[in-house]
Amino acid sequence: MIVPVILSGGSGTRLWPLSRKHHPKQFINLINRTSLFQDTIIRLPKDCSEPLIVCNEEHRFLAAEQLREINKNTKGIILEPEGRNTAAAIALSALRLMSQDEDSIMLVLAADHLIKNDKAFHKSIKIASELAESGKLVTFGIPPDKPETDYGYIEAKIDNTSNYSKIESFVEKPNLRIAEKYLKSGRHLWNSGMFMFKASVFLEELKKFEPEIFSTCKKACSIENIDSDFIRIDNNIFLSCPSKSIDYAVMEHTKNGLVVPLEATWNDVGSWSSLWDVKDKDYNGNVCEGDTILEDVKNTYIFSTNRLVSVVGASNLVIVDTQDALLVAEKNQTQKIKKIVEKLQNKNRSEIENYRKVHRPWGYYDSIDNGEGFQVKRIVVNPDAKLSLQKHQYRAEHWVVVKGIARVKCDDKVFDLAENQSTYIPQGSLHRLENHQKTPLEIIEIQTGDYLGEDDIFRQEDNYDRN
């Protein structure tokens, strides 16, 4: 049985400001009405088992909700407290399968790739699975159609009589001159970051070449806590694990590595320019999403989430307008966006973590306005959901019900509020907001106080196991 392992831990910083720390690109509807994460699961061959997911603990409810939206079950969602690169994530998955006496063939996929031509994808998987069954560690290489500098490459010993090749070497992202040389050679494939092998074979090779990663992951998995679909490992042990990609840790050293060409349109959607490459364009080469008006604009990506964006006399730009941040960049300079993100991190700016609209397991809130001593939020609570039982040290809250009926607990009082009714939650009061109806509950919350940060929450009880 083939077990898909979906690696969903990326942060997608090069697609800022749309991709944020707490809502990264794999969970965004960038290409279709479904997210890249959902597309990765939907395109799986029908003869695969339910997938095993690996994601950051902060994204667990995003992953679970998006699985529910497409009506897909899993073998579990392994939660990493912090990413330790692909070797460790795959090791956790392999150890999990082996603990259930499943020496399965693992189909390791990134959650944020675009692949067009499912038939070709499934054909390559079938070839790779037969090789993996015989004890090989297989990766998938994409035949290049241009001198790409954003991808790593695999140098292969091409055998035109076979549907796979031996791996000669893995090559880092090249400059343009070298990329052109690789394209002409006919011996280089783009490194897709997708793999197939038996769980036991991978663990044997990992133990041989990176014993510290193997032993650390094994110890972290030995103390397991299962909460519904969530699989929690020992965080303290796992955080001591070395951070290495599977390429560095295993594939560059193993004598059993093979590459299978994947003859399909593939893109890792790693930047705004690569997203422009795969999007439908108008007759001037522009990609327009949202409310936009253009005049004399060419080869430009314009994205607006909430207001009109007008552009005049420009070309080869990326313009991304969200509710709280605006990005303008030359299309060939979008790789440098990560430097903007680094500067935001150094200044502790909230724009790298969340949108103005922040999703929570119970629904979401939208920060409408703020100023000295106050903040206004629109809060939407899903049917039959509830916030944690909590209190705040520094702020008080005023709630006004806009739609639905709110069940409110404030200290020793429990009461319902209908539309246009309101209540006051004093500073330090233990309180909770619940929705017992079958339709969403919407309230306006006005916070007042000396400090209004999201970390001013003491949770006494929580349905979602948050601290």
Foldseek 3Di string as FASTA:
>chain_A
DEAEEEEEADQLLLAPPVGFNLRGQLLDQLDHPGGLLLVVQVLDDPPYDFYEYEYAPSCVLSVVVSCVVVVGDHLFYEHAPHDQAALLSLLLVLLVCVVVVHQHKYKYAYSQKDWPDSPLVVVLVVVQQVLQVVLFKEFEFELDPALDQVFKKWFFPDDPVDQKTHTPAIGHRDPSVVSVVQNVVSRITTGRLIIIHGSVSSLVQLCVQPVQSNVLSVQQQVDWDDDPRYIYTNNVSNVPHHRDYCRVRGVRPDPRYMYGYRHTDMDSCSHPLSSLVPDDADPQSEAEEDAEAEECEHNEYAAEDPDYDYYYNYYQWYWHYAPPDIDIGRSVCSVCSVVVVVVCVVVVHCSNHAGLWHADSQGIKHFDDDDQFKTKIKDKGAAFGKFFFKAFQWKKKKKAWQAAKKFKDWAPDTDIDHHRDMDIHDHPTGMMIGHNDNGMTIIMMMMGGRDDDPVRIDGPGGPVPDD
